[in-house]
Amino acid sequence: MTNLTRRGFALTGIAAASMTAACGNGVGSNGGAEIDARVDSTLNFLYSNYPNTTDLRDKAAGILVMPVVTEAGFGFGGGYGQGALRINDVTVDYYSAAKGSFGLQIGAQQHAHVMFFMTEAALTEFRRSTGWAAGAGVEYVVANEGGNISADTTNLLAPVIAVIFAQAGLKVGATLEGIKYSRIIP
């Protein structure tokens, strides 16, 4: 009998979610146009409700936008979403975000997040990887109930800044740790 560790379980969950998502990626479909429309809507919402994020946009080398990431869990959990990487306001690639988890959890939620790559090096590392996972190099900014997101000098020095917003659901907390981003063909 094989012992399955937390890391092994999480990686298996991510791989299963990625393979399931890949089944719907038909070449020649209008998936890219749908993702771009959702990305445009998400960015409009972000910039109108949190105007301070335009400073991040103006200084970023690239922006990864995940309009909707859905997470659910009851002991075992997972999450999935699709989005686009934009450089100079132009979509250059499409990505999926997949997450697997195990632990004391119950509920479901959806949220949007935007990752601002503040340096060319961080953007290049992300684009060259076969599957990039959000980790220690990411500075998190979460929209509070007052609706204020600020980009101070400390944040602007981070190579990657993630803004999490528009949370809805009955699961406590939204985090990007353990999410794996993979390039897709919509």
C-alpha atoms as a PDB file:
ATOM      1  CA  MET A   1       0.000   0.000   0.000  1.00  0.00           C
ATOM      2  CA  THR A   2       1.314   3.453  -0.894  1.00  0.00           C
ATOM      3  CA  ASN A   3       1.223   6.315   1.574  1.00  0.00           C
ATOM      4  CA  LEU A   4      -0.075   9.482  -0.073  1.00  0.00           C
ATOM      5  CA  THR A   5       1.388  12.655   1.392  1.00  0.00           C
ATOM      6  CA  ARG A   6      -0.310  16.051   1.396  1.00  0.00           C
ATOM      7  CA  ARG A   7       2.056  17.280  -1.305  1.00  0.00           C
ATOM      8  CA  GLY A   8       1.428  14.158  -3.394  1.00  0.00           C
ATOM      9  CA  PHE A   9      -2.313  14.560  -3.008  1.00  0.00           C
ATOM     10  CA  ALA A  10      -2.222  18.241  -3.923  1.00  0.00           C
ATOM     11  CA  LEU A  11      -0.085  17.567  -7.000  1.00  0.00           C
ATOM     12  CA  THR A  12      -2.396  14.730  -8.049  1.00  0.00           C
ATOM     13  CA  GLY A  13      -5.409  17.041  -7.667  1.00  0.00           C
ATOM     14  CA  ILE A  14      -3.732  19.735  -9.745  1.00  0.00           C
ATOM     15  CA  ALA A  15      -2.794  17.236 -12.453  1.00  0.00           C
ATOM     16  CA  ALA A  16      -6.341  15.825 -12.571  1.00  0.00           C
ATOM     17  CA  ALA A  17      -7.887  19.296 -12.779  1.00  0.00           C
ATOM     18  CA  SER A  18      -5.450  20.284 -15.534  1.00  0.00           C
ATOM     19  CA  MET A  19      -6.192  17.144 -17.574  1.00  0.00           C
ATOM     20  CA  THR A  20      -9.940  17.636 -17.167  1.00  0.00           C
ATOM     21  CA  ALA A  21      -9.649  21.254 -18.237  1.00  0.00           C
ATOM     22  CA  ALA A  22      -7.534  20.345 -21.257  1.00  0.00           C
ATOM     23  CA  CYS A  23     -10.345  18.160 -22.612  1.00  0.00           C
ATOM     24  CA  GLY A  24     -12.439  21.270 -23.304  1.00  0.00           C
ATOM     25  CA  ASN A  25      -9.710  23.149 -25.167  1.00  0.00           C
ATOM     26  CA  GLY A  26     -10.811  22.724 -28.741  1.00  0.00           C
ATOM     27  CA  VAL A  27      -8.629  24.333 -31.383  1.00  0.00           C
ATOM     28  CA  GLY A  28     -10.725  26.719 -33.456  1.00  0.00           C
ATOM     29  CA  SER A  29     -13.281  27.341 -30.708  1.00  0.00           C
ATOM     30  CA  ASN A  30     -14.262  30.823 -29.556  1.00  0.00           C
ATOM     31  CA  GLY A  31     -12.826  30.164 -26.085  1.00  0.00           C
ATOM     32  CA  GLY A  32     -10.178  32.864 -26.509  1.00  0.00           C
ATOM     33  CA  ALA A  33     -12.773  35.526 -27.274  1.00  0.00           C
ATOM     34  CA  GLU A  34     -14.832  34.484 -24.229  1.00  0.00           C
ATOM     35  CA  ILE A  35     -11.811  34.619 -21.932  1.00  0.00           C
ATOM     36  CA  ASP A  36     -10.786  38.025 -23.346  1.00  0.00           C
ATOM     37  CA  ALA A  37     -14.298  39.402 -22.745  1.00  0.00           C
ATOM     38  CA  ARG A  38     -14.208  38.199 -19.117  1.00  0.00           C
ATOM     39  CA  VAL A  39     -10.704  39.642 -18.670  1.00  0.00           C
ATOM     40  CA  ASP A  40     -11.838  43.032 -20.020  1.00  0.00           C
ATOM     41  CA  SER A  41     -14.819  43.039 -17.665  1.00  0.00           C
ATOM     42  CA  THR A  42     -12.653  42.031 -14.687  1.00  0.00           C
ATOM     43  CA  LEU A  43     -10.083  44.748 -15.370  1.00  0.00           C
ATOM     44  CA  ASN A  44     -12.825  47.369 -15.777  1.00  0.00           C
ATOM     45  CA  PHE A  45     -14.280  46.309 -12.412  1.00  0.00           C
ATOM     46  CA  LEU A  46     -10.852  46.347 -10.742  1.00  0.00           C
ATOM     47  CA  TYR A  47      -9.818  49.764 -12.032  1.00  0.00           C
ATOM     48  CA  SER A  48     -13.216  51.401 -11.338  1.00  0.00           C
ATOM     49  CA  ASN A  49     -13.629  49.984  -7.826  1.00  0.00           C
ATOM     50  CA  TYR A  50      -9.960  50.137  -6.803  1.00  0.00           C
ATOM     51  CA  PRO A  51      -8.448  53.087  -8.704  1.00  0.00           C
ATOM     52  CA  ASN A  52      -5.096  52.746  -6.912  1.00  0.00           C
ATOM     53  CA  THR A  53      -4.432  49.569  -8.911  1.00  0.00           C
ATOM     54  CA  THR A  54      -3.877  51.667 -12.030  1.00  0.00           C
ATOM     55  CA  ASP A  55      -0.467  52.534 -10.532  1.00  0.00           C
ATOM     56  CA  LEU A  56       0.360  48.824 -10.549  1.00  0.00           C
ATOM     57  CA  ARG A  57      -0.894  48.478 -14.119  1.00  0.00           C
ATOM     58  CA  ASP A  58       1.217  51.392 -15.299  1.00  0.00           C
ATOM     59  CA  LYS A  59       4.410  49.995 -13.756  1.00  0.00           C
ATOM     60  CA  ALA A  60       3.882  46.275 -14.535  1.00  0.00           C
ATOM     61  CA  ALA A  61       5.785  44.419 -17.254  1.00  0.00           C
ATOM     62  CA  GLY A  62       2.778  42.095 -17.657  1.00  0.00           C
ATOM     63  CA  ILE A  63      -0.563  41.266 -16.038  1.00  0.00           C
ATOM     64  CA  LEU A  64      -2.144  37.832 -15.543  1.00  0.00           C
ATOM     65  CA  VAL A  65      -5.917  38.138 -15.094  1.00  0.00           C
ATOM     66  CA  MET A  66      -8.028  35.291 -13.695  1.00  0.00           C
ATOM     67  CA  PRO A  67     -11.644  36.548 -13.907  1.00  0.00           C
ATOM     68  CA  VAL A  68     -13.195  33.675 -11.940  1.00  0.00           C
ATOM     69  CA  VAL A  69     -11.494  30.998  -9.878  1.00  0.00           C
ATOM     70  CA  THR A  70     -13.925  28.555  -8.301  1.00  0.00           C
ATOM     71  CA  GLU A  71     -12.835  26.634  -5.205  1.00  0.00           C
ATOM     72  CA  ALA A  72     -14.727  23.991  -3.275  1.00  0.00           C
ATOM     73  CA  GLY A  73     -13.794  21.635  -0.500  1.00  0.00           C
ATOM     74  CA  PHE A  74     -15.039  19.206   2.063  1.00  0.00           C
ATOM     75  CA  GLY A  75     -11.880  17.715   3.559  1.00  0.00           C
ATOM     76  CA  PHE A  76     -10.451  17.384   0.054  1.00  0.00           C
ATOM     77  CA  GLY A  77     -10.679  20.432  -2.137  1.00  0.00           C
ATOM     78  CA  GLY A  78      -9.797  21.889  -5.465  1.00  0.00           C
ATOM     79  CA  GLY A  79     -10.125  24.937  -7.600  1.00  0.00           C
ATOM     80  CA  TYR A  80      -9.962  25.952 -11.231  1.00  0.00           C
ATOM     81  CA  GLY A  81     -10.131  29.029 -13.448  1.00  0.00           C
ATOM     82  CA  GLN A  82      -8.991  30.354 -16.817  1.00  0.00           C
ATOM     83  CA  GLY A  83      -7.536  33.709 -17.743  1.00  0.00           C
ATOM     84  CA  ALA A  84      -5.144  35.642 -19.946  1.00  0.00           C
ATOM     85  CA  LEU A  85      -1.673  37.111 -19.769  1.00  0.00           C
ATOM     86  CA  ARG A  86      -1.515  40.633 -21.124  1.00  0.00           C
ATOM     87  CA  ILE A  87       1.516  42.675 -22.047  1.00  0.00           C
ATOM     88  CA  ASN A  88       0.901  46.314 -23.020  1.00  0.00           C
ATOM     89  CA  ASP A  89      -2.878  45.654 -22.912  1.00  0.00           C
ATOM     90  CA  VAL A  90      -2.602  42.865 -25.512  1.00  0.00           C
ATOM     91  CA  THR A  91      -3.360  39.194 -24.752  1.00  0.00           C
ATOM     92  CA  VAL A  92      -0.241  37.133 -25.463  1.00  0.00           C
ATOM     93  CA  ASP A  93      -1.197  33.773 -23.859  1.00  0.00           C
ATOM     94  CA  TYR A  94      -4.033  32.019 -22.064  1.00  0.00           C
ATOM     95  CA  TYR A  95      -3.569  30.216 -18.750  1.00  0.00           C
ATOM     96  CA  SER A  96      -5.439  27.935 -16.397  1.00  0.00           C
ATOM     97  CA  ALA A  97      -5.113  28.008 -12.625  1.00  0.00           C
ATOM     98  CA  ALA A  98      -5.589  24.684 -10.830  1.00  0.00           C
ATOM     99  CA  LYS A  99      -5.407  23.953  -7.121  1.00  0.00           C
ATOM    100  CA  GLY A 100      -5.748  20.864  -4.945  1.00  0.00           C
ATOM    101  CA  SER A 101      -5.894  20.799  -1.158  1.00  0.00           C
ATOM    102  CA  PHE A 102      -6.469  18.566   1.824  1.00  0.00           C
ATOM    103  CA  GLY A 103      -7.308  19.520   5.375  1.00  0.00           C
ATOM    104  CA  LEU A 104      -9.933  21.003   7.615  1.00  0.00           C
ATOM    105  CA  GLN A 105     -12.119  22.807   5.073  1.00  0.00           C
ATOM    106  CA  ILE A 106     -15.711  23.009   4.003  1.00  0.00           C
ATOM    107  CA  GLY A 107     -17.512  25.268   1.558  1.00  0.00           C
ATOM    108  CA  ALA A 108     -17.189  26.856  -1.844  1.00  0.00           C
ATOM    109  CA  GLN A 109     -16.239  30.261  -3.126  1.00  0.00           C
ATOM    110  CA  GLN A 110     -15.313  32.202  -6.204  1.00  0.00           C
ATOM    111  CA  HIS A 111     -12.891  35.068  -6.523  1.00  0.00           C
ATOM    112  CA  ALA A 112     -11.010  37.013  -9.137  1.00  0.00           C
ATOM    113  CA  HIS A 113      -7.338  37.774  -9.011  1.00  0.00           C
ATOM    114  CA  VAL A 114      -4.856  39.751 -11.016  1.00  0.00           C
ATOM    115  CA  MET A 115      -1.120  39.184 -10.822  1.00  0.00           C
ATOM    116  CA  PHE A 116       1.059  42.151 -11.704  1.00  0.00           C
ATOM    117  CA  PHE A 117       4.562  41.133 -12.823  1.00  0.00           C
ATOM    118  CA  MET A 118       6.572  44.158 -11.732  1.00  0.00           C
ATOM    119  CA  THR A 119       9.877  43.129 -13.317  1.00  0.00           C
ATOM    120  CA  GLU A 120      10.825  41.752 -16.723  1.00  0.00           C
ATOM    121  CA  ALA A 121      12.710  38.943 -14.933  1.00  0.00           C
ATOM    122  CA  ALA A 122       9.583  37.800 -13.056  1.00  0.00           C
ATOM    123  CA  LEU A 123       7.516  37.920 -16.254  1.00  0.00           C
ATOM    124  CA  THR A 124      10.164  35.987 -18.210  1.00  0.00           C
ATOM    125  CA  GLU A 125      10.397  33.324 -15.476  1.00  0.00           C
ATOM    126  CA  PHE A 126       6.608  32.916 -15.517  1.00  0.00           C
ATOM    127  CA  ARG A 127       6.403  32.640 -19.313  1.00  0.00           C
ATOM    128  CA  ARG A 128       9.292  30.160 -19.613  1.00  0.00           C
ATOM    129  CA  SER A 129       8.043  27.774 -16.936  1.00  0.00           C
ATOM    130  CA  THR A 130       6.037  24.704 -17.865  1.00  0.00           C
ATOM    131  CA  GLY A 131       3.876  25.148 -14.792  1.00  0.00           C
ATOM    132  CA  TRP A 132       4.401  28.089 -12.455  1.00  0.00           C
ATOM    133  CA  ALA A 133       3.197  27.983  -8.850  1.00  0.00           C
ATOM    134  CA  ALA A 134       2.502  31.068  -6.766  1.00  0.00           C
ATOM    135  CA  GLY A 135       4.847  31.027  -3.809  1.00  0.00           C
ATOM    136  CA  ALA A 136       7.100  33.080  -1.587  1.00  0.00           C
ATOM    137  CA  GLY A 137       7.972  35.679  -4.245  1.00  0.00           C
ATOM    138  CA  VAL A 138       4.384  36.930  -4.449  1.00  0.00           C
ATOM    139  CA  GLU A 139       3.204  39.935  -2.432  1.00  0.00           C
ATOM    140  CA  TYR A 140      -0.533  39.688  -1.679  1.00  0.00           C
ATOM    141  CA  VAL A 141      -2.941  42.604  -1.608  1.00  0.00           C
ATOM    142  CA  VAL A 142      -6.510  41.696  -0.664  1.00  0.00           C
ATOM    143  CA  ALA A 143      -9.411  44.110  -1.097  1.00  0.00           C
ATOM    144  CA  ASN A 144     -10.887  44.907   2.265  1.00  0.00           C
ATOM    145  CA  GLU A 145     -14.482  45.790   3.064  1.00  0.00           C
ATOM    146  CA  GLY A 146     -13.674  49.485   2.775  1.00  0.00           C
ATOM    147  CA  GLY A 147     -12.729  48.911  -0.839  1.00  0.00           C
ATOM    148  CA  ASN A 148      -9.220  50.279  -0.521  1.00  0.00           C
ATOM    149  CA  ILE A 149      -6.231  48.729  -2.271  1.00  0.00           C
ATOM    150  CA  SER A 150      -3.004  50.658  -2.112  1.00  0.00           C
ATOM    151  CA  ALA A 151       0.265  50.178  -3.899  1.00  0.00           C
ATOM    152  CA  ASP A 152       2.907  51.506  -1.561  1.00  0.00           C
ATOM    153  CA  THR A 153       6.681  51.514  -2.036  1.00  0.00           C
ATOM    154  CA  THR A 154       7.064  48.145  -0.287  1.00  0.00           C
ATOM    155  CA  ASN A 155       4.623  46.485  -2.669  1.00  0.00           C
ATOM    156  CA  LEU A 156       6.146  48.086  -5.751  1.00  0.00           C
ATOM    157  CA  LEU A 157       9.517  46.508  -4.932  1.00  0.00           C
ATOM    158  CA  ALA A 158       8.049  42.975  -4.995  1.00  0.00           C
ATOM    159  CA  PRO A 159       8.605  41.075  -8.277  1.00  0.00           C
ATOM    160  CA  VAL A 160       4.973  39.854  -8.386  1.00  0.00           C
ATOM    161  CA  ILE A 161       1.961  41.496  -6.743  1.00  0.00           C
ATOM    162  CA  ALA A 162      -1.314  39.565  -6.553  1.00  0.00           C
ATOM    163  CA  VAL A 163      -4.605  41.374  -5.982  1.00  0.00           C
ATOM    164  CA  ILE A 164      -7.471  39.161  -4.811  1.00  0.00           C
ATOM    165  CA  PHE A 165     -10.972  40.645  -4.991  1.00  0.00           C
ATOM    166  CA  ALA A 166     -14.669  40.006  -5.684  1.00  0.00           C
ATOM    167  CA  GLN A 167     -14.898  37.088  -3.279  1.00  0.00           C
ATOM    168  CA  ALA A 168     -18.258  35.364  -3.059  1.00  0.00           C
ATOM    169  CA  GLY A 169     -19.238  32.162  -1.337  1.00  0.00           C
ATOM    170  CA  LEU A 170     -19.161  30.352   1.971  1.00  0.00           C
ATOM    171  CA  LYS A 171     -15.519  29.297   2.223  1.00  0.00           C
ATOM    172  CA  VAL A 172     -13.219  31.213   4.552  1.00  0.00           C
ATOM    173  CA  GLY A 173     -10.171  32.880   3.003  1.00  0.00           C
ATOM    174  CA  ALA A 174      -8.813  33.198  -0.500  1.00  0.00           C
ATOM    175  CA  THR A 175      -5.183  32.465  -1.241  1.00  0.00           C
ATOM    176  CA  LEU A 176      -3.111  31.791  -4.316  1.00  0.00           C
ATOM    177  CA  GLU A 177      -0.628  29.527  -2.573  1.00  0.00           C
ATOM    178  CA  GLY A 178      -0.587  26.098  -4.136  1.00  0.00           C
ATOM    179  CA  ILE A 179      -2.184  27.262  -7.386  1.00  0.00           C
ATOM    180  CA  LYS A 180      -0.397  26.048 -10.483  1.00  0.00           C
ATOM    181  CA  TYR A 181      -0.636  28.143 -13.652  1.00  0.00           C
ATOM    182  CA  SER A 182      -0.336  26.353 -16.991  1.00  0.00           C
ATOM    183  CA  ARG A 183      -0.500  27.697 -20.538  1.00  0.00           C
ATOM    184  CA  ILE A 184      -3.620  26.540 -22.414  1.00  0.00           C
ATOM    185  CA  ILE A 185      -5.085  26.731 -25.893  1.00  0.00           C
ATOM    186  CA  PRO A 186      -8.696  27.900 -25.483  1.00  0.00           C
END
